[in-house]
């Protein structure tokens, strides 16, 4: 399912890039148009990454706390998968 999202995102980015290039070709200063479009895309990507980071961290912490509460409520401690067996 994650691969589908990556393919969809790449297709959208490619379509947007093609649209900007086709628009820039018809302008008097195409490199200026491409540079401006690149800066806008970079700013939008940075803003999205920052917002995703800010709102993704609390959700991850909350999920970790919830799973540890469930474990302690049962009174059992999960065995780490990396621990050695008693025989060796």
PDB file of N, CA and C in Angstrom:
ATOM      1  N   UNK A   1       0.818  -1.190   0.000  1.00  0.00           N
ATOM      2  CA  UNK A   1       0.000   0.000   0.000  1.00  0.00           C
ATOM      3  C   UNK A   1       0.867   1.261   0.000  1.00  0.00           C
ATOM      4  N   UNK A   2       2.014   1.204   0.674  1.00  0.00           N
ATOM      5  CA  UNK A   2       2.882   2.363   0.721  1.00  0.00           C
ATOM      6  C   UNK A   2       3.500   2.633  -0.645  1.00  0.00           C
ATOM      7  N   UNK A   3       3.779   1.586  -1.393  1.00  0.00           N
ATOM      8  CA  UNK A   3       4.357   1.764  -2.718  1.00  0.00           C
ATOM      9  C   UNK A   3       3.389   2.508  -3.630  1.00  0.00           C
ATOM     10  N   UNK A   4       2.112   2.230  -3.472  1.00  0.00           N
ATOM     11  CA  UNK A   4       1.098   2.909  -4.281  1.00  0.00           C
ATOM     12  C   UNK A   4       1.114   4.414  -4.015  1.00  0.00           C
ATOM     13  N   UNK A   5       1.280   4.797  -2.750  1.00  0.00           N
ATOM     14  CA  UNK A   5       1.355   6.209  -2.399  1.00  0.00           C
ATOM     15  C   UNK A   5       2.584   6.882  -2.986  1.00  0.00           C
ATOM     16  N   UNK A   6       3.695   6.172  -3.005  1.00  0.00           N
ATOM     17  CA  UNK A   6       4.920   6.722  -3.582  1.00  0.00           C
ATOM     18  C   UNK A   6       4.762   6.920  -5.080  1.00  0.00           C
ATOM     19  N   UNK A   7       4.165   5.949  -5.737  1.00  0.00           N
ATOM     20  CA  UNK A   7       3.950   6.050  -7.184  1.00  0.00           C
ATOM     21  C   UNK A   7       2.990   7.189  -7.501  1.00  0.00           C
ATOM     22  N   UNK A   8       1.939   7.324  -6.708  1.00  0.00           N
ATOM     23  CA  UNK A   8       0.980   8.412  -6.920  1.00  0.00           C
ATOM     24  C   UNK A   8       1.638   9.770  -6.702  1.00  0.00           C
ATOM     25  N   UNK A   9       2.442   9.896  -5.656  1.00  0.00           N
ATOM     26  CA  UNK A   9       3.143  11.149  -5.395  1.00  0.00           C
ATOM     27  C   UNK A   9       4.123  11.507  -6.490  1.00  0.00           C
ATOM     28  N   UNK A  10       4.839  10.498  -6.995  1.00  0.00           N
ATOM     29  CA  UNK A  10       5.792  10.743  -8.086  1.00  0.00           C
ATOM     30  C   UNK A  10       5.061  11.153  -9.358  1.00  0.00           C
ATOM     31  N   UNK A  11       3.916  10.541  -9.617  1.00  0.00           N
ATOM     32  CA  UNK A  11       3.135  10.902 -10.806  1.00  0.00           C
ATOM     33  C   UNK A  11       2.615  12.334 -10.702  1.00  0.00           C
ATOM     34  N   UNK A  12       2.159  12.729  -9.525  1.00  0.00           N
ATOM     35  CA  UNK A  12       1.683  14.106  -9.330  1.00  0.00           C
ATOM     36  C   UNK A  12       2.827  15.112  -9.470  1.00  0.00           C
ATOM     37  N   UNK A  13       3.983  14.793  -8.896  1.00  0.00           N
ATOM     38  CA  UNK A  13       5.133  15.685  -9.000  1.00  0.00           C
ATOM     39  C   UNK A  13       5.597  15.800 -10.448  1.00  0.00           C
ATOM     40  N   UNK A  14       5.613  14.688 -11.158  1.00  0.00           N
ATOM     41  CA  UNK A  14       6.011  14.718 -12.571  1.00  0.00           C
ATOM     42  C   UNK A  14       5.054  15.523 -13.426  1.00  0.00           C
ATOM     43  N   UNK A  15       3.765  15.385 -13.161  1.00  0.00           N
ATOM     44  CA  UNK A  15       2.766  16.153 -13.901  1.00  0.00           C
ATOM     45  C   UNK A  15       2.918  17.644 -13.626  1.00  0.00           C
ATOM     46  N   UNK A  16       3.139  17.997 -12.367  1.00  0.00           N
ATOM     47  CA  UNK A  16       3.325  19.407 -12.016  1.00  0.00           C
ATOM     48  C   UNK A  16       4.587  19.972 -12.664  1.00  0.00           C
ATOM     49  N   UNK A  17       5.658  19.200 -12.664  1.00  0.00           N
ATOM     50  CA  UNK A  17       6.901  19.651 -13.289  1.00  0.00           C
ATOM     51  C   UNK A  17       6.713  19.855 -14.788  1.00  0.00           C
ATOM     52  N   UNK A  18       6.027  18.930 -15.420  1.00  0.00           N
ATOM     53  CA  UNK A  18       5.761  19.061 -16.853  1.00  0.00           C
ATOM     54  C   UNK A  18       4.929  20.305 -17.145  1.00  0.00           C
ATOM     55  N   UNK A  19       3.931  20.572 -16.315  1.00  0.00           N
ATOM     56  CA  UNK A  19       3.098  21.764 -16.511  1.00  0.00           C
ATOM     57  C   UNK A  19       3.920  23.041 -16.362  1.00  0.00           C
ATOM     58  N   UNK A  20       4.811  23.074 -15.365  1.00  0.00           N
ATOM     59  CA  UNK A  20       5.632  24.271 -15.156  1.00  0.00           C
ATOM     60  C   UNK A  20       6.603  24.466 -16.320  1.00  0.00           C
ATOM     61  N   UNK A  21       7.201  23.383 -16.798  1.00  0.00           N
ATOM     62  CA  UNK A  21       8.143  23.489 -17.921  1.00  0.00           C
ATOM     63  C   UNK A  21       7.416  23.967 -19.178  1.00  0.00           C
ATOM     64  N   UNK A  22       6.245  23.410 -19.445  1.00  0.00           N
ATOM     65  CA  UNK A  22       5.489  23.839 -20.622  1.00  0.00           C
ATOM     66  C   UNK A  22       5.060  25.301 -20.511  1.00  0.00           C
ATOM     67  N   UNK A  23       4.718  25.738 -19.324  1.00  0.00           N
ATOM     68  CA  UNK A  23       4.371  27.138 -19.118  1.00  0.00           C
ATOM     69  C   UNK A  23       5.601  28.026 -19.294  1.00  0.00           C
ATOM     70  N   UNK A  24       6.735  27.605 -18.756  1.00  0.00           N
ATOM     71  CA  UNK A  24       7.954  28.418 -18.806  1.00  0.00           C
ATOM     72  C   UNK A  24       8.479  28.580 -20.223  1.00  0.00           C
ATOM     73  N   UNK A  25       8.284  27.560 -21.053  1.00  0.00           N
ATOM     74  CA  UNK A  25       8.780  27.636 -22.437  1.00  0.00           C
ATOM     75  C   UNK A  25       8.146  28.795 -23.187  1.00  0.00           C
ATOM     76  N   UNK A  26       6.903  29.102 -22.874  1.00  0.00           N
ATOM     77  CA  UNK A  26       6.181  30.158 -23.588  1.00  0.00           C
ATOM     78  C   UNK A  26       6.402  31.543 -22.996  1.00  0.00           C
ATOM     79  N   UNK A  27       7.239  31.671 -21.982  1.00  0.00           N
ATOM     80  CA  UNK A  27       7.474  32.961 -21.344  1.00  0.00           C
ATOM     81  C   UNK A  27       8.745  33.610 -21.879  1.00  0.00           C
ATOM     82  N   UNK A  28       8.880  34.891 -21.604  1.00  0.00           N
ATOM     83  CA  UNK A  28      10.040  35.640 -22.084  1.00  0.00           C
ATOM     84  C   UNK A  28      11.312  35.221 -21.343  1.00  0.00           C
ATOM     85  N   UNK A  29      11.216  34.913 -20.060  1.00  0.00           N
ATOM     86  CA  UNK A  29      12.361  34.499 -19.244  1.00  0.00           C
ATOM     87  C   UNK A  29      12.051  33.133 -18.612  1.00  0.00           C
ATOM     88  N   UNK A  30      12.242  32.058 -19.355  1.00  0.00           N
ATOM     89  CA  UNK A  30      11.834  30.742 -18.844  1.00  0.00           C
ATOM     90  C   UNK A  30      12.625  30.281 -17.614  1.00  0.00           C
ATOM     91  N   UNK A  31      13.908  30.630 -17.527  1.00  0.00           N
ATOM     92  CA  UNK A  31      14.685  30.207 -16.359  1.00  0.00           C
ATOM     93  C   UNK A  31      14.216  30.901 -15.089  1.00  0.00           C
ATOM     94  N   UNK A  32      13.768  32.140 -15.218  1.00  0.00           N
ATOM     95  CA  UNK A  32      13.228  32.852 -14.071  1.00  0.00           C
ATOM     96  C   UNK A  32      11.945  32.186 -13.576  1.00  0.00           C
ATOM     97  N   UNK A  33      11.112  31.764 -14.501  1.00  0.00           N
ATOM     98  CA  UNK A  33       9.867  31.082 -14.135  1.00  0.00           C
ATOM     99  C   UNK A  33      10.175  29.740 -13.467  1.00  0.00           C
ATOM    100  N   UNK A  34      11.127  28.997 -14.035  1.00  0.00           N
ATOM    101  CA  UNK A  34      11.487  27.703 -13.445  1.00  0.00           C
ATOM    102  C   UNK A  34      12.097  27.872 -12.055  1.00  0.00           C
ATOM    103  N   UNK A  35      12.944  28.875 -11.889  1.00  0.00           N
ATOM    104  CA  UNK A  35      13.552  29.128 -10.587  1.00  0.00           C
ATOM    105  C   UNK A  35      12.526  29.504  -9.533  1.00  0.00           C
ATOM    106  N   UNK A  36      11.577  30.342  -9.909  1.00  0.00           N
ATOM    107  CA  UNK A  36      10.523  30.738  -8.982  1.00  0.00           C
ATOM    108  C   UNK A  36       9.662  29.540  -8.601  1.00  0.00           C
ATOM    109  N   UNK A  37       9.310  28.725  -9.573  1.00  0.00           N
ATOM    110  CA  UNK A  37       8.510  27.531  -9.306  1.00  0.00           C
ATOM    111  C   UNK A  37       9.261  26.563  -8.390  1.00  0.00           C
ATOM    112  N   UNK A  38      10.555  26.430  -8.603  1.00  0.00           N
ATOM    113  CA  UNK A  38      11.366  25.553  -7.763  1.00  0.00           C
ATOM    114  C   UNK A  38      11.418  26.055  -6.322  1.00  0.00           C
ATOM    115  N   UNK A  39      11.571  27.359  -6.144  1.00  0.00           N
ATOM    116  CA  UNK A  39      11.596  27.921  -4.793  1.00  0.00           C
ATOM    117  C   UNK A  39      10.253  27.751  -4.088  1.00  0.00           C
ATOM    118  N   UNK A  40       9.162  27.930  -4.808  1.00  0.00           N
ATOM    119  CA  UNK A  40       7.840  27.742  -4.213  1.00  0.00           C
ATOM    120  C   UNK A  40       7.636  26.279  -3.816  1.00  0.00           C
ATOM    121  N   UNK A  41       8.051  25.358  -4.690  1.00  0.00           N
ATOM    122  CA  UNK A  41       7.918  23.935  -4.382  1.00  0.00           C
ATOM    123  C   UNK A  41       8.774  23.549  -3.179  1.00  0.00           C
ATOM    124  N   UNK A  42       9.974  24.087  -3.101  1.00  0.00           N
ATOM    125  CA  UNK A  42      10.858  23.802  -1.974  1.00  0.00           C
ATOM    126  C   UNK A  42      10.281  24.340  -0.666  1.00  0.00           C
ATOM    127  N   UNK A  43       9.713  25.543  -0.706  1.00  0.00           N
ATOM    128  CA  UNK A  43       9.109  26.123   0.492  1.00  0.00           C
ATOM    129  C   UNK A  43       7.899  25.309   0.946  1.00  0.00           C
ATOM    130  N   UNK A  44       7.082  24.864   0.009  1.00  0.00           N
ATOM    131  CA  UNK A  44       5.918  24.052   0.359  1.00  0.00           C
ATOM    132  C   UNK A  44       6.346  22.705   0.941  1.00  0.00           C
ATOM    133  N   UNK A  45       7.386  22.118   0.380  1.00  0.00           N
ATOM    134  CA  UNK A  45       7.894  20.842   0.897  1.00  0.00           C
ATOM    135  C   UNK A  45       8.451  21.012   2.309  1.00  0.00           C
ATOM    136  N   UNK A  46       9.188  22.074   2.534  1.00  0.00           N
ATOM    137  CA  UNK A  46       9.749  22.324   3.863  1.00  0.00           C
ATOM    138  C   UNK A  46       8.646  22.578   4.884  1.00  0.00           C
ATOM    139  N   UNK A  47       7.634  23.349   4.514  1.00  0.00           N
ATOM    140  CA  UNK A  47       6.523  23.616   5.436  1.00  0.00           C
ATOM    141  C   UNK A  47       5.760  22.333   5.749  1.00  0.00           C
ATOM    142  N   UNK A  48       5.520  21.514   4.749  1.00  0.00           N
ATOM    143  CA  UNK A  48       4.834  20.248   4.976  1.00  0.00           C
ATOM    144  C   UNK A  48       5.642  19.301   5.840  1.00  0.00           C
ATOM    145  N   UNK A  49       6.940  19.251   5.608  1.00  0.00           N
ATOM    146  CA  UNK A  49       7.800  18.410   6.435  1.00  0.00           C
ATOM    147  C   UNK A  49       7.837  18.871   7.870  1.00  0.00           C
ATOM    148  N   UNK A  50       7.897  20.173   8.080  1.00  0.00           N
ATOM    149  CA  UNK A  50       7.921  20.715   9.439  1.00  0.00           C
ATOM    150  C   UNK A  50       6.609  20.420  10.162  1.00  0.00           C
ATOM    151  N   UNK A  51       5.490  20.641   9.488  1.00  0.00           N
ATOM    152  CA  UNK A  51       4.197  20.360  10.118  1.00  0.00           C
ATOM    153  C   UNK A  51       4.026  18.868  10.390  1.00  0.00           C
ATOM    154  N   UNK A  52       4.464  18.040   9.461  1.00  0.00           N
ATOM    155  CA  UNK A  52       4.391  16.595   9.683  1.00  0.00           C
ATOM    156  C   UNK A  52       5.247  16.163  10.855  1.00  0.00           C
ATOM    157  N   UNK A  53       6.411  16.767  10.992  1.00  0.00           N
ATOM    158  CA  UNK A  53       7.289  16.450  12.117  1.00  0.00           C
ATOM    159  C   UNK A  53       6.661  16.892  13.434  1.00  0.00           C
ATOM    160  N   UNK A  54       6.117  18.113  13.461  1.00  0.00           N
ATOM    161  CA  UNK A  54       5.546  18.636  14.701  1.00  0.00           C
ATOM    162  C   UNK A  54       4.334  17.837  15.155  1.00  0.00           C
ATOM    163  N   UNK A  55       3.485  17.438  14.242  1.00  0.00           N
ATOM    164  CA  UNK A  55       2.272  16.725  14.631  1.00  0.00           C
ATOM    165  C   UNK A  55       2.463  15.212  14.619  1.00  0.00           C
ATOM    166  N   UNK A  56       3.511  14.716  14.034  1.00  0.00           N
ATOM    167  CA  UNK A  56       3.760  13.274  14.019  1.00  0.00           C
ATOM    168  C   UNK A  56       4.435  12.777  15.277  1.00  0.00           C
ATOM    169  N   UNK A  57       5.289  13.585  15.888  1.00  0.00           N
ATOM    170  CA  UNK A  57       5.998  13.181  17.102  1.00  0.00           C
ATOM    171  C   UNK A  57       5.036  12.939  18.265  1.00  0.00           C
ATOM    172  N   UNK A  58       4.105  13.844  18.588  1.00  0.00           N
ATOM    173  CA  UNK A  58       3.189  13.565  19.700  1.00  0.00           C
ATOM    174  C   UNK A  58       2.343  12.306  19.472  1.00  0.00           C
ATOM    175  N   UNK A  59       1.950  12.052  18.260  1.00  0.00           N
ATOM    176  CA  UNK A  59       1.155  10.863  17.969  1.00  0.00           C
ATOM    177  C   UNK A  59       1.980   9.600  18.214  1.00  0.00           C
ATOM    178  N   UNK A  60       3.240   9.622  17.826  1.00  0.00           N
ATOM    179  CA  UNK A  60       4.103   8.465  18.043  1.00  0.00           C
ATOM    180  C   UNK A  60       4.351   8.244  19.534  1.00  0.00           C
ATOM    181  N   UNK A  61       4.541   9.309  20.287  1.00  0.00           N
ATOM    182  CA  UNK A  61       4.756   9.190  21.727  1.00  0.00           C
ATOM    183  C   UNK A  61       3.495   8.669  22.395  1.00  0.00           C
ATOM    184  N   UNK A  62       2.349   9.173  21.993  1.00  0.00           N
ATOM    185  CA  UNK A  62       1.084   8.734  22.567  1.00  0.00           C
ATOM    186  C   UNK A  62       0.848   7.250  22.283  1.00  0.00           C
ATOM    187  N   UNK A  63       1.152   6.800  21.091  1.00  0.00           N
ATOM    188  CA  UNK A  63       0.983   5.388  20.749  1.00  0.00           C
ATOM    189  C   UNK A  63       1.903   4.520  21.592  1.00  0.00           C
ATOM    190  N   UNK A  64       3.109   4.985  21.835  1.00  0.00           N
ATOM    191  CA  UNK A  64       4.057   4.223  22.654  1.00  0.00           C
ATOM    192  C   UNK A  64       3.558   4.132  24.098  1.00  0.00           C
ATOM    193  N   UNK A  65       3.051   5.231  24.635  1.00  0.00           N
ATOM    194  CA  UNK A  65       2.547   5.235  26.008  1.00  0.00           C
ATOM    195  C   UNK A  65       1.329   4.328  26.139  1.00  0.00           C
ATOM    196  N   UNK A  66       0.453   4.349  25.154  1.00  0.00           N
ATOM    197  CA  UNK A  66      -0.744   3.508  25.193  1.00  0.00           C
ATOM    198  C   UNK A  66      -0.369   2.035  25.190  1.00  0.00           C
ATOM    199  N   UNK A  67       0.583   1.648  24.357  1.00  0.00           N
ATOM    200  CA  UNK A  67       0.974   0.241  24.313  1.00  0.00           C
ATOM    201  C   UNK A  67       1.656  -0.187  25.605  1.00  0.00           C
ATOM    202  N   UNK A  68       2.424   0.702  26.249  1.00  0.00           N
ATOM    203  CA  UNK A  68       3.072   0.337  27.507  1.00  0.00           C
ATOM    204  C   UNK A  68       2.053   0.256  28.631  1.00  0.00           C
ATOM    205  N   UNK A  69       0.991   1.051  28.593  1.00  0.00           N
ATOM    206  CA  UNK A  69      -0.058   0.961  29.604  1.00  0.00           C
ATOM    207  C   UNK A  69      -0.809  -0.361  29.478  1.00  0.00           C
ATOM    208  N   UNK A  70      -1.071  -0.777  28.271  1.00  0.00           N
ATOM    209  CA  UNK A  70      -1.760  -2.046  28.070  1.00  0.00           C
ATOM    210  C   UNK A  70      -0.930  -3.200  28.626  1.00  0.00           C
ATOM    211  N   UNK A  71       0.358  -3.140  28.419  1.00  0.00           N
ATOM    212  CA  UNK A  71       1.242  -4.197  28.916  1.00  0.00           C
ATOM    213  C   UNK A  71       1.256  -4.210  30.434  1.00  0.00           C
ATOM    214  N   UNK A  72       1.352  -3.053  31.069  1.00  0.00           N
ATOM    215  CA  UNK A  72       1.410  -3.010  32.528  1.00  0.00           C
ATOM    216  C   UNK A  72       0.062  -3.352  33.139  1.00  0.00           C
ATOM    217  N   UNK A  73      -1.037  -3.096  32.452  1.00  0.00           N
ATOM    218  CA  UNK A  73      -2.358  -3.431  32.971  1.00  0.00           C
ATOM    219  C   UNK A  73      -2.545  -4.941  33.030  1.00  0.00           C
ATOM    220  N   UNK A  74      -1.936  -5.672  32.140  1.00  0.00           N
ATOM    221  CA  UNK A  74      -2.039  -7.129  32.144  1.00  0.00           C
ATOM    222  C   UNK A  74      -1.116  -7.751  33.178  1.00  0.00           C
ATOM    223  N   UNK A  75      -0.167  -6.985  33.661  1.00  0.00           N
ATOM    224  CA  UNK A  75       0.744  -7.496  34.653  1.00  0.00           C
ATOM    225  C   UNK A  75       1.862  -8.343  34.074  1.00  0.00           C
ATOM    226  N   UNK A  76       2.061  -8.273  32.788  1.00  0.00           N
ATOM    227  CA  UNK A  76       3.134  -9.043  32.165  1.00  0.00           C
ATOM    228  C   UNK A  76       4.134  -8.105  31.544  1.00  0.00           C
ATOM    229  N   UNK A  77       5.319  -8.557  31.467  1.00  0.00           N
ATOM    230  CA  UNK A  77       6.376  -7.793  30.833  1.00  0.00           C
ATOM    231  C   UNK A  77       6.754  -8.505  29.551  1.00  0.00           C
ATOM    232  N   UNK A  78       6.731  -7.795  28.426  1.00  0.00           N
ATOM    233  CA  UNK A  78       7.092  -8.458  27.172  1.00  0.00           C
ATOM    234  C   UNK A  78       8.555  -8.883  27.179  1.00  0.00           C
ATOM    235  N   UNK A  79       8.823 -10.043  26.635  1.00  0.00           N
ATOM    236  CA  UNK A  79      10.188 -10.540  26.534  1.00  0.00           C
ATOM    237  C   UNK A  79      10.843  -9.952  25.294  1.00  0.00           C
ATOM    238  N   UNK A  80      12.014  -9.346  25.450  1.00  0.00           N
ATOM    239  CA  UNK A  80      12.674  -8.786  24.270  1.00  0.00           C
ATOM    240  C   UNK A  80      13.071  -9.901  23.301  1.00  0.00           C
ATOM    241  N   UNK A  81      12.964  -9.607  22.025  1.00  0.00           N
ATOM    242  CA  UNK A  81      13.307 -10.613  21.019  1.00  0.00           C
ATOM    243  C   UNK A  81      14.809 -10.825  20.935  1.00  0.00           C
ATOM    244  N   UNK A  82      15.586  -9.903  21.458  1.00  0.00           N
ATOM    245  CA  UNK A  82      17.044 -10.010  21.352  1.00  0.00           C
ATOM    246  C   UNK A  82      17.653 -10.755  22.529  1.00  0.00           C
ATOM    247  N   UNK A  83      16.839 -11.126  23.535  1.00  0.00           N
ATOM    248  CA  UNK A  83      17.422 -11.792  24.711  1.00  0.00           C
ATOM    249  C   UNK A  83      17.851 -13.214  24.357  1.00  0.00           C
ATOM    250  N   UNK A  84      18.836 -13.691  25.100  1.00  0.00           N
ATOM    251  CA  UNK A  84      19.365 -15.036  24.851  1.00  0.00           C
ATOM    252  C   UNK A  84      18.480 -16.080  25.528  1.00  0.00           C
ATOM    253  N   UNK A  85      18.477 -17.239  24.942  1.00  0.00           N
ATOM    254  CA  UNK A  85      17.738 -18.338  25.547  1.00  0.00           C
ATOM    255  C   UNK A  85      18.532 -18.891  26.727  1.00  0.00           C
ATOM    256  N   UNK A  86      17.871 -19.570  27.683  1.00  0.00           N
ATOM    257  CA  UNK A  86      18.591 -20.077  28.866  1.00  0.00           C
ATOM    258  C   UNK A  86      19.664 -21.096  28.517  1.00  0.00           C
ATOM    259  N   UNK A  87      19.558 -21.760  27.377  1.00  0.00           N
ATOM    260  CA  UNK A  87      20.532 -22.792  27.032  1.00  0.00           C
ATOM    261  C   UNK A  87      21.753 -22.233  26.343  1.00  0.00           C
ATOM    262  N   UNK A  88      21.734 -21.006  25.932  1.00  0.00           N
ATOM    263  CA  UNK A  88      22.920 -20.624  25.208  1.00  0.00           C
ATOM    264  C   UNK A  88      23.067 -19.231  24.925  1.00  0.00           C
TER     265      UNK A  88
END
